[in-house]
Amino acid sequence: MTRRKDRERYLDMKHLNPEYTGFRGSAPGAAGAQTTPLETVTCSVCGRRRNVAIGTAMEEGDSYVCLSCREEQEAAAPAEET
């Protein structure tokens, strides 16, 4: 988007809600304060590096399978059964 469109969208939101402070909020660090800590893990199927929650990374370790590969496996499984 262009700056003009961004500014127009901001003004529209400000018009609807006078307390609207913008996408990131007024507090410093507000955007990243609510995120889950991530760790980089390599998928054991496709070899791509993925950012996953630390808990998931610790549980699955080297046997981690990314969501894309899981979806492909699930899609292939019903086809094999019939």
N, C-alpha and C. Protein backbone atom coordinates (compact mmCIF):
# COMPACT_ATOMS: atom_id res chain seq x y z
N MET A 1 0.83 -1.19 0.00
CA MET A 1 0.00 0.00 0.00
C MET A 1 0.87 1.24 0.00
N THR A 2 0.28 2.29 -0.46
CA THR A 2 1.00 3.56 -0.47
C THR A 2 0.81 4.27 0.87
N ARG A 3 1.63 5.26 1.10
CA ARG A 3 1.50 6.03 2.34
C ARG A 3 0.15 6.72 2.41
N ARG A 4 -0.32 7.20 1.28
CA ARG A 4 -1.61 7.89 1.25
C ARG A 4 -2.73 6.94 1.69
N LYS A 5 -2.71 5.74 1.16
CA LYS A 5 -3.75 4.77 1.53
C LYS A 5 -3.63 4.36 2.99
N ASP A 6 -2.40 4.20 3.46
CA ASP A 6 -2.20 3.88 4.88
C ASP A 6 -2.75 5.00 5.76
N ARG A 7 -2.45 6.22 5.38
CA ARG A 7 -2.92 7.38 6.15
C ARG A 7 -4.45 7.46 6.13
N GLU A 8 -5.05 7.23 4.97
CA GLU A 8 -6.51 7.25 4.86
C GLU A 8 -7.14 6.16 5.72
N ARG A 9 -6.56 4.97 5.71
CA ARG A 9 -7.08 3.88 6.54
C ARG A 9 -6.96 4.24 8.02
N TYR A 10 -5.84 4.83 8.41
CA TYR A 10 -5.65 5.24 9.80
C TYR A 10 -6.69 6.28 10.20
N LEU A 11 -6.92 7.26 9.35
CA LEU A 11 -7.90 8.31 9.66
C LEU A 11 -9.31 7.74 9.74
N ASP A 12 -9.64 6.78 8.86
CA ASP A 12 -10.94 6.13 8.92
C ASP A 12 -11.13 5.40 10.25
N MET A 13 -10.10 4.66 10.66
CA MET A 13 -10.19 3.95 11.93
C MET A 13 -10.27 4.92 13.10
N LYS A 14 -9.53 6.01 13.01
CA LYS A 14 -9.55 7.03 14.06
C LYS A 14 -10.93 7.69 14.13
N HIS A 15 -11.58 7.85 12.98
CA HIS A 15 -12.92 8.44 12.94
C HIS A 15 -13.93 7.50 13.61
N LEU A 16 -13.80 6.20 13.36
CA LEU A 16 -14.72 5.23 13.96
C LEU A 16 -14.49 5.07 15.46
N ASN A 17 -13.21 5.12 15.87
CA ASN A 17 -12.86 4.95 17.27
C ASN A 17 -11.83 6.01 17.64
N PRO A 18 -12.24 7.09 18.31
CA PRO A 18 -11.31 8.19 18.63
C PRO A 18 -10.12 7.76 19.48
N GLU A 19 -10.21 6.64 20.19
CA GLU A 19 -9.11 6.18 21.02
C GLU A 19 -8.13 5.28 20.26
N TYR A 20 -8.36 5.06 18.98
CA TYR A 20 -7.49 4.21 18.17
C TYR A 20 -6.10 4.83 18.09
N THR A 21 -5.08 4.06 18.46
CA THR A 21 -3.72 4.59 18.49
C THR A 21 -2.86 4.08 17.33
N GLY A 22 -3.42 3.30 16.47
CA GLY A 22 -2.66 2.75 15.36
C GLY A 22 -2.40 1.28 15.55
N PHE A 23 -1.83 0.67 14.54
CA PHE A 23 -1.64 -0.77 14.54
C PHE A 23 -0.76 -1.25 15.70
N ARG A 24 0.31 -0.56 15.99
CA ARG A 24 1.26 -1.02 16.99
C ARG A 24 0.94 -0.53 18.40
N GLY A 25 0.01 0.37 18.53
CA GLY A 25 -0.31 0.87 19.85
C GLY A 25 0.64 1.98 20.28
N SER A 26 0.38 2.56 21.45
CA SER A 26 1.19 3.69 21.90
C SER A 26 2.34 3.27 22.81
N ALA A 27 2.26 2.07 23.39
CA ALA A 27 3.31 1.62 24.30
C ALA A 27 4.49 1.06 23.52
N PRO A 28 5.72 1.41 23.92
CA PRO A 28 6.88 0.86 23.22
C PRO A 28 6.97 -0.65 23.44
N GLY A 29 7.20 -1.39 22.36
CA GLY A 29 7.30 -2.84 22.44
C GLY A 29 5.96 -3.54 22.54
N ALA A 30 4.87 -2.85 22.29
CA ALA A 30 3.54 -3.46 22.42
C ALA A 30 3.31 -4.55 21.39
N ALA A 31 3.91 -4.43 20.22
CA ALA A 31 3.68 -5.41 19.15
C ALA A 31 4.28 -6.76 19.49
N GLY A 32 5.45 -6.81 20.09
CA GLY A 32 6.11 -8.07 20.37
C GLY A 32 5.90 -8.59 21.78
N ALA A 33 5.20 -7.86 22.60
CA ALA A 33 5.05 -8.24 24.00
C ALA A 33 4.17 -9.46 24.19
N GLN A 34 3.25 -9.72 23.27
CA GLN A 34 2.29 -10.80 23.44
C GLN A 34 2.61 -12.02 22.59
N THR A 35 3.77 -12.08 21.99
CA THR A 35 4.10 -13.18 21.11
C THR A 35 4.73 -14.33 21.88
N THR A 36 4.61 -15.52 21.34
CA THR A 36 5.20 -16.70 21.93
C THR A 36 6.66 -16.79 21.51
N PRO A 37 7.55 -17.14 22.42
CA PRO A 37 8.96 -17.29 22.03
C PRO A 37 9.11 -18.44 21.04
N LEU A 38 9.92 -18.21 20.00
CA LEU A 38 10.08 -19.18 18.94
C LEU A 38 11.49 -19.73 18.89
N GLU A 39 11.61 -20.90 18.29
CA GLU A 39 12.92 -21.51 18.07
C GLU A 39 12.93 -22.08 16.66
N THR A 40 14.06 -22.02 15.99
CA THR A 40 14.18 -22.54 14.64
C THR A 40 14.44 -24.04 14.68
N VAL A 41 13.60 -24.80 13.96
CA VAL A 41 13.72 -26.25 13.89
C VAL A 41 13.67 -26.65 12.42
N THR A 42 14.42 -27.68 12.05
CA THR A 42 14.43 -28.18 10.68
C THR A 42 13.44 -29.32 10.57
N CYS A 43 12.59 -29.27 9.55
CA CYS A 43 11.60 -30.32 9.29
C CYS A 43 12.33 -31.59 8.88
N SER A 44 11.93 -32.72 9.46
CA SER A 44 12.61 -33.98 9.16
C SER A 44 12.20 -34.56 7.81
N VAL A 45 11.13 -34.03 7.20
CA VAL A 45 10.67 -34.54 5.91
C VAL A 45 11.24 -33.72 4.76
N CYS A 46 10.99 -32.41 4.77
CA CYS A 46 11.39 -31.57 3.64
C CYS A 46 12.71 -30.84 3.86
N GLY A 47 13.17 -30.78 5.11
CA GLY A 47 14.45 -30.14 5.40
C GLY A 47 14.38 -28.63 5.52
N ARG A 48 13.19 -28.05 5.45
CA ARG A 48 13.05 -26.60 5.59
C ARG A 48 13.14 -26.20 7.05
N ARG A 49 13.67 -25.02 7.27
CA ARG A 49 13.75 -24.49 8.62
C ARG A 49 12.46 -23.74 8.93
N ARG A 50 11.90 -24.02 10.10
CA ARG A 50 10.64 -23.41 10.53
C ARG A 50 10.80 -22.82 11.92
N ASN A 51 10.11 -21.72 12.17
CA ASN A 51 10.06 -21.12 13.50
C ASN A 51 8.84 -21.68 14.21
N VAL A 52 9.08 -22.39 15.30
CA VAL A 52 7.99 -23.00 16.06
C VAL A 52 8.13 -22.61 17.52
N ALA A 53 7.05 -22.78 18.28
CA ALA A 53 7.07 -22.47 19.71
C ALA A 53 8.12 -23.35 20.39
N ILE A 54 8.74 -22.82 21.41
CA ILE A 54 9.81 -23.54 22.10
C ILE A 54 9.31 -24.87 22.66
N GLY A 55 8.10 -24.89 23.20
CA GLY A 55 7.54 -26.14 23.74
C GLY A 55 7.43 -27.22 22.68
N THR A 56 6.96 -26.87 21.52
CA THR A 56 6.84 -27.83 20.42
C THR A 56 8.21 -28.30 19.98
N ALA A 57 9.15 -27.39 19.89
CA ALA A 57 10.50 -27.74 19.48
C ALA A 57 11.14 -28.72 20.47
N MET A 58 10.91 -28.52 21.75
CA MET A 58 11.48 -29.41 22.76
C MET A 58 10.82 -30.78 22.74
N GLU A 59 9.50 -30.82 22.53
CA GLU A 59 8.76 -32.09 22.51
C GLU A 59 9.16 -32.96 21.32
N GLU A 60 9.18 -32.36 20.13
CA GLU A 60 9.38 -33.14 18.92
C GLU A 60 10.85 -33.28 18.54
N GLY A 61 11.67 -32.31 18.87
CA GLY A 61 13.11 -32.39 18.62
C GLY A 61 13.44 -32.62 17.15
N ASP A 62 14.26 -33.65 16.89
CA ASP A 62 14.72 -33.95 15.53
C ASP A 62 13.64 -34.60 14.67
N SER A 63 12.56 -35.04 15.27
CA SER A 63 11.50 -35.70 14.50
C SER A 63 10.38 -34.72 14.11
N TYR A 64 10.65 -33.42 14.18
CA TYR A 64 9.65 -32.41 13.86
C TYR A 64 9.23 -32.50 12.40
N VAL A 65 7.92 -32.46 12.15
CA VAL A 65 7.36 -32.42 10.79
C VAL A 65 6.53 -31.16 10.68
N CYS A 66 6.84 -30.31 9.68
CA CYS A 66 6.15 -29.03 9.53
C CYS A 66 4.69 -29.24 9.09
N LEU A 67 3.89 -28.21 9.23
CA LEU A 67 2.47 -28.29 8.91
C LEU A 67 2.23 -28.61 7.43
N SER A 68 3.06 -28.06 6.55
CA SER A 68 2.90 -28.34 5.12
C SER A 68 3.07 -29.82 4.83
N CYS A 69 4.09 -30.42 5.41
CA CYS A 69 4.34 -31.85 5.20
C CYS A 69 3.24 -32.70 5.84
N ARG A 70 2.76 -32.28 7.01
CA ARG A 70 1.66 -33.01 7.67
C ARG A 70 0.41 -33.00 6.81
N GLU A 71 0.09 -31.83 6.23
CA GLU A 71 -1.09 -31.74 5.37
C GLU A 71 -0.95 -32.63 4.14
N GLU A 72 0.24 -32.68 3.57
CA GLU A 72 0.47 -33.54 2.41
C GLU A 72 0.33 -35.01 2.79
N GLN A 73 0.83 -35.39 3.96
CA GLN A 73 0.72 -36.77 4.41
C GLN A 73 -0.73 -37.15 4.67
N GLU A 74 -1.49 -36.23 5.28
CA GLU A 74 -2.90 -36.50 5.55
C GLU A 74 -3.70 -36.60 4.27
N ALA A 75 -3.36 -35.78 3.27
CA ALA A 75 -4.06 -35.82 2.00
C ALA A 75 -3.74 -37.12 1.25
N ALA A 76 -2.53 -37.60 1.39
CA ALA A 76 -2.12 -38.83 0.71
C ALA A 76 -2.68 -40.08 1.41
N ALA A 77 -2.87 -40.02 2.71
CA ALA A 77 -3.33 -41.19 3.48
C ALA A 77 -4.71 -41.65 3.05
N PRO A 78 -5.73 -40.80 2.90
CA PRO A 78 -7.06 -41.28 2.46
C PRO A 78 -7.00 -41.86 1.03
N ALA A 79 -6.15 -41.33 0.19
CA ALA A 79 -6.06 -41.84 -1.17
C ALA A 79 -5.48 -43.24 -1.19
N GLU A 80 -4.58 -43.54 -0.26
CA GLU A 80 -3.99 -44.87 -0.19
C GLU A 80 -4.96 -45.89 0.37
N GLU A 81 -5.87 -45.47 1.26
CA GLU A 81 -6.81 -46.39 1.90
C GLU A 81 -7.87 -46.89 0.92
N THR A 82 -8.25 -46.12 -0.05
CA THR A 82 -9.32 -46.53 -0.99
C THR A 82 -8.81 -47.27 -2.17
